[in-house]
Amino acid sequence: MADKNSFLTYKGKPLVRKGNTIYYGNMSDPFVIMLSVASSHEVHGVKIADKVIVQLVNTAPDINPLEAIVKRTEKNGMWAAVDIASIWLQRALKAE
């Protein structure tokens, strides 16, 4: 049984969902990814993401929220979005 305080992870980084937004990465790291589901459709009673906005976000507390977005793209489907998110986050954290 999973611990109540544990998060779902992908490639060792936590995934945290709030509504139509999923945060990927540790908030204590210099960068995280914000995945926002822009549109979806229903298949057999399950919502499937159509368009997902991917943003690489700087987590520095003193940065202006409008300047915190380092990169942004829109992908078709959650798999393509999570795939690019993983690459962006890995590269951003390696550069630090």
N, C-alpha and C. Protein backbone atom coordinates (compact mmCIF):
# COMPACT_ATOMS: atom_id res chain seq x y z
N MET A 1 0.84 -1.18 0.00
CA MET A 1 0.00 0.00 0.00
C MET A 1 0.88 1.24 0.00
N ALA A 2 0.56 2.21 -0.82
CA ALA A 2 1.36 3.43 -0.94
C ALA A 2 1.19 4.32 0.28
N ASP A 3 2.26 4.99 0.64
CA ASP A 3 2.24 5.95 1.74
C ASP A 3 1.34 7.12 1.36
N LYS A 4 0.56 7.61 2.33
CA LYS A 4 -0.37 8.72 2.09
C LYS A 4 0.35 9.98 1.61
N ASN A 5 1.60 10.17 2.02
CA ASN A 5 2.35 11.37 1.67
C ASN A 5 3.25 11.18 0.45
N SER A 6 3.21 10.01 -0.18
CA SER A 6 4.06 9.78 -1.34
C SER A 6 3.37 10.27 -2.61
N PHE A 7 4.19 10.63 -3.60
CA PHE A 7 3.67 11.14 -4.87
C PHE A 7 3.93 10.13 -5.97
N LEU A 8 3.11 10.17 -7.00
CA LEU A 8 3.36 9.43 -8.21
C LEU A 8 4.61 10.03 -8.83
N THR A 9 5.51 9.22 -9.34
CA THR A 9 6.75 9.74 -9.93
C THR A 9 6.91 9.28 -11.36
N TYR A 10 7.71 10.03 -12.11
CA TYR A 10 8.10 9.67 -13.47
C TYR A 10 9.58 9.98 -13.58
N LYS A 11 10.37 8.98 -13.89
CA LYS A 11 11.82 9.10 -13.99
C LYS A 11 12.42 9.72 -12.72
N GLY A 12 11.87 9.30 -11.58
CA GLY A 12 12.41 9.72 -10.29
C GLY A 12 11.97 11.08 -9.79
N LYS A 13 11.13 11.78 -10.55
CA LYS A 13 10.64 13.11 -10.16
C LYS A 13 9.15 13.02 -9.86
N PRO A 14 8.69 13.74 -8.82
CA PRO A 14 7.26 13.67 -8.47
C PRO A 14 6.35 14.37 -9.47
N LEU A 15 5.15 13.83 -9.60
CA LEU A 15 4.06 14.42 -10.39
C LEU A 15 2.94 14.78 -9.41
N VAL A 16 2.56 16.06 -9.38
CA VAL A 16 1.53 16.52 -8.47
C VAL A 16 0.45 17.22 -9.29
N ARG A 17 -0.80 16.77 -9.12
CA ARG A 17 -1.90 17.31 -9.91
C ARG A 17 -2.77 18.23 -9.05
N LYS A 18 -3.16 19.34 -9.65
CA LYS A 18 -4.12 20.28 -9.05
C LYS A 18 -5.06 20.69 -10.17
N GLY A 19 -6.25 20.09 -10.23
CA GLY A 19 -7.19 20.39 -11.30
C GLY A 19 -6.65 19.93 -12.65
N ASN A 20 -6.58 20.85 -13.62
CA ASN A 20 -6.06 20.54 -14.95
C ASN A 20 -4.57 20.85 -15.08
N THR A 21 -3.89 21.06 -13.96
CA THR A 21 -2.47 21.38 -13.98
C THR A 21 -1.69 20.29 -13.25
N ILE A 22 -0.58 19.87 -13.85
CA ILE A 22 0.30 18.86 -13.25
C ILE A 22 1.68 19.49 -13.13
N TYR A 23 2.25 19.42 -11.94
CA TYR A 23 3.62 19.90 -11.71
C TYR A 23 4.54 18.69 -11.71
N TYR A 24 5.63 18.79 -12.43
CA TYR A 24 6.60 17.70 -12.56
C TYR A 24 7.94 18.19 -12.05
N GLY A 25 8.46 17.55 -11.02
CA GLY A 25 9.75 17.93 -10.45
C GLY A 25 9.62 18.30 -8.99
N ASN A 26 10.76 18.51 -8.35
CA ASN A 26 10.81 18.90 -6.95
C ASN A 26 10.77 20.41 -6.84
N MET A 27 9.87 20.93 -6.02
CA MET A 27 9.76 22.38 -5.85
C MET A 27 11.01 22.97 -5.21
N SER A 28 11.82 22.15 -4.58
CA SER A 28 13.06 22.64 -3.98
C SER A 28 14.19 22.77 -5.02
N ASP A 29 14.00 22.23 -6.21
CA ASP A 29 14.98 22.36 -7.29
C ASP A 29 14.84 23.72 -7.95
N PRO A 30 15.86 24.16 -8.71
CA PRO A 30 15.79 25.47 -9.36
C PRO A 30 14.71 25.59 -10.45
N PHE A 31 14.27 24.45 -11.01
CA PHE A 31 13.27 24.45 -12.06
C PHE A 31 12.26 23.32 -11.85
N VAL A 32 11.03 23.54 -12.29
CA VAL A 32 10.00 22.50 -12.37
C VAL A 32 9.28 22.69 -13.70
N ILE A 33 8.49 21.70 -14.04
CA ILE A 33 7.67 21.77 -15.26
C ILE A 33 6.21 21.91 -14.84
N MET A 34 5.49 22.78 -15.53
CA MET A 34 4.06 22.92 -15.31
C MET A 34 3.35 22.47 -16.59
N LEU A 35 2.53 21.44 -16.47
CA LEU A 35 1.76 20.90 -17.59
C LEU A 35 0.30 21.31 -17.39
N SER A 36 -0.26 22.05 -18.32
CA SER A 36 -1.65 22.49 -18.23
C SER A 36 -2.46 21.90 -19.37
N VAL A 37 -3.50 21.16 -19.03
CA VAL A 37 -4.36 20.56 -20.04
C VAL A 37 -5.27 21.65 -20.60
N ALA A 38 -5.07 22.00 -21.87
CA ALA A 38 -5.84 23.06 -22.52
C ALA A 38 -7.15 22.54 -23.07
N SER A 39 -7.17 21.30 -23.55
CA SER A 39 -8.40 20.69 -24.05
C SER A 39 -8.32 19.18 -23.89
N SER A 40 -9.50 18.56 -23.80
CA SER A 40 -9.56 17.11 -23.64
C SER A 40 -10.85 16.59 -24.28
N HIS A 41 -10.91 15.28 -24.44
CA HIS A 41 -12.12 14.63 -24.92
C HIS A 41 -12.35 13.38 -24.07
N GLU A 42 -13.54 12.82 -24.17
CA GLU A 42 -13.89 11.68 -23.34
C GLU A 42 -13.94 10.40 -24.17
N VAL A 43 -13.32 9.34 -23.64
CA VAL A 43 -13.34 8.02 -24.27
C VAL A 43 -13.77 7.02 -23.21
N HIS A 44 -14.91 6.40 -23.43
CA HIS A 44 -15.46 5.41 -22.49
C HIS A 44 -15.50 5.95 -21.06
N GLY A 45 -15.90 7.20 -20.90
CA GLY A 45 -16.04 7.79 -19.59
C GLY A 45 -14.76 8.32 -18.95
N VAL A 46 -13.66 8.28 -19.69
CA VAL A 46 -12.37 8.76 -19.17
C VAL A 46 -11.92 9.96 -19.99
N LYS A 47 -11.54 11.05 -19.31
CA LYS A 47 -11.05 12.23 -20.02
C LYS A 47 -9.63 12.01 -20.49
N ILE A 48 -9.38 12.29 -21.76
CA ILE A 48 -8.07 12.14 -22.39
C ILE A 48 -7.62 13.53 -22.86
N ALA A 49 -6.39 13.91 -22.52
CA ALA A 49 -5.88 15.22 -22.89
C ALA A 49 -5.61 15.29 -24.38
N ASP A 50 -6.08 16.37 -25.02
CA ASP A 50 -5.81 16.62 -26.44
C ASP A 50 -4.60 17.55 -26.57
N LYS A 51 -4.74 18.74 -26.01
CA LYS A 51 -3.67 19.74 -26.08
C LYS A 51 -3.17 20.03 -24.67
N VAL A 52 -1.84 19.99 -24.53
CA VAL A 52 -1.21 20.22 -23.24
C VAL A 52 -0.15 21.31 -23.40
N ILE A 53 -0.21 22.31 -22.55
CA ILE A 53 0.78 23.38 -22.56
C ILE A 53 1.88 22.99 -21.57
N VAL A 54 3.12 22.98 -22.05
CA VAL A 54 4.28 22.61 -21.24
C VAL A 54 5.10 23.87 -20.99
N GLN A 55 5.43 24.12 -19.70
CA GLN A 55 6.23 25.29 -19.36
C GLN A 55 7.33 24.90 -18.38
N LEU A 56 8.55 25.31 -18.69
CA LEU A 56 9.67 25.16 -17.77
C LEU A 56 9.68 26.41 -16.91
N VAL A 57 9.58 26.23 -15.58
CA VAL A 57 9.40 27.35 -14.68
C VAL A 57 10.56 27.43 -13.68
N ASN A 58 11.11 28.63 -13.53
CA ASN A 58 12.15 28.89 -12.53
C ASN A 58 11.45 29.01 -11.18
N THR A 59 11.94 28.31 -10.15
CA THR A 59 11.29 28.30 -8.85
C THR A 59 11.89 29.31 -7.86
N ALA A 60 12.80 30.16 -8.30
CA ALA A 60 13.40 31.15 -7.40
C ALA A 60 12.30 32.02 -6.79
N PRO A 61 12.29 32.19 -5.47
CA PRO A 61 11.21 32.94 -4.83
C PRO A 61 11.22 34.43 -5.13
N ASP A 62 12.36 34.97 -5.51
CA ASP A 62 12.46 36.41 -5.74
C ASP A 62 12.24 36.83 -7.19
N ILE A 63 11.93 35.87 -8.06
CA ILE A 63 11.75 36.19 -9.48
C ILE A 63 10.29 36.59 -9.75
N ASN A 64 10.11 37.51 -10.67
CA ASN A 64 8.78 37.95 -11.10
C ASN A 64 8.08 36.75 -11.75
N PRO A 65 6.82 36.45 -11.37
CA PRO A 65 6.12 35.29 -11.94
C PRO A 65 6.04 35.30 -13.46
N LEU A 66 5.96 36.48 -14.06
CA LEU A 66 5.91 36.55 -15.53
C LEU A 66 7.26 36.21 -16.16
N GLU A 67 8.34 36.44 -15.43
CA GLU A 67 9.68 36.12 -15.93
C GLU A 67 10.12 34.71 -15.54
N ALA A 68 9.34 34.04 -14.71
CA ALA A 68 9.70 32.70 -14.24
C ALA A 68 9.60 31.65 -15.34
N ILE A 69 8.78 31.89 -16.36
CA ILE A 69 8.61 30.92 -17.45
C ILE A 69 9.81 31.03 -18.39
N VAL A 70 10.59 29.95 -18.43
CA VAL A 70 11.82 29.92 -19.22
C VAL A 70 11.55 29.43 -20.64
N LYS A 71 10.73 28.38 -20.76
CA LYS A 71 10.38 27.81 -22.07
C LYS A 71 8.90 27.45 -22.04
N ARG A 72 8.30 27.45 -23.23
CA ARG A 72 6.88 27.12 -23.34
C ARG A 72 6.61 26.48 -24.70
N THR A 73 5.77 25.45 -24.73
CA THR A 73 5.34 24.82 -25.97
C THR A 73 3.97 24.20 -25.76
N GLU A 74 3.33 23.84 -26.83
CA GLU A 74 2.04 23.14 -26.77
C GLU A 74 2.20 21.82 -27.51
N LYS A 75 1.76 20.73 -26.88
CA LYS A 75 1.87 19.40 -27.47
C LYS A 75 0.49 18.76 -27.58
N ASN A 76 0.36 17.86 -28.53
CA ASN A 76 -0.86 17.07 -28.70
C ASN A 76 -0.73 15.79 -27.89
N GLY A 77 -1.48 15.67 -26.82
CA GLY A 77 -1.47 14.47 -25.98
C GLY A 77 -0.52 14.58 -24.80
N MET A 78 -0.88 13.87 -23.74
CA MET A 78 -0.10 13.91 -22.52
C MET A 78 1.26 13.24 -22.68
N TRP A 79 1.32 12.15 -23.46
CA TRP A 79 2.60 11.45 -23.61
C TRP A 79 3.66 12.36 -24.23
N ALA A 80 3.32 13.04 -25.30
CA ALA A 80 4.28 13.96 -25.95
C ALA A 80 4.67 15.09 -25.00
N ALA A 81 3.73 15.56 -24.20
CA ALA A 81 4.00 16.64 -23.26
C ALA A 81 4.95 16.19 -22.15
N VAL A 82 4.70 15.03 -21.58
CA VAL A 82 5.56 14.52 -20.51
C VAL A 82 6.94 14.16 -21.05
N ASP A 83 6.99 13.70 -22.27
CA ASP A 83 8.27 13.35 -22.89
C ASP A 83 9.17 14.59 -23.02
N ILE A 84 8.65 15.68 -23.56
CA ILE A 84 9.45 16.90 -23.70
C ILE A 84 9.72 17.52 -22.34
N ALA A 85 8.77 17.40 -21.42
CA ALA A 85 8.94 17.94 -20.06
C ALA A 85 10.13 17.28 -19.37
N SER A 86 10.24 15.99 -19.51
CA SER A 86 11.35 15.24 -18.90
C SER A 86 12.70 15.70 -19.45
N ILE A 87 12.75 15.88 -20.76
CA ILE A 87 14.00 16.33 -21.41
C ILE A 87 14.37 17.73 -20.96
N TRP A 88 13.41 18.65 -20.98
CA TRP A 88 13.67 20.04 -20.57
C TRP A 88 14.14 20.12 -19.13
N LEU A 89 13.46 19.39 -18.24
CA LEU A 89 13.81 19.44 -16.82
C LEU A 89 15.19 18.86 -16.57
N GLN A 90 15.48 17.75 -17.21
CA GLN A 90 16.80 17.14 -17.05
C GLN A 90 17.91 18.08 -17.51
N ARG A 91 17.73 18.71 -18.66
CA ARG A 91 18.74 19.64 -19.18
C ARG A 91 18.88 20.88 -18.30
N ALA A 92 17.76 21.43 -17.82
CA ALA A 92 17.80 22.63 -16.99
C ALA A 92 18.51 22.36 -15.66
N LEU A 93 18.22 21.20 -15.07
CA LEU A 93 18.85 20.88 -13.78
C LEU A 93 20.32 20.52 -13.94
N LYS A 94 20.68 19.95 -15.08
CA LYS A 94 22.08 19.61 -15.35
C LYS A 94 22.91 20.88 -15.55
N ALA A 95 22.32 21.90 -16.15
CA ALA A 95 23.02 23.16 -16.42
C ALA A 95 23.27 23.96 -15.15
N GLU A 96 22.51 23.69 -14.11
CA GLU A 96 22.65 24.42 -12.84
C GLU A 96 23.92 24.08 -12.12
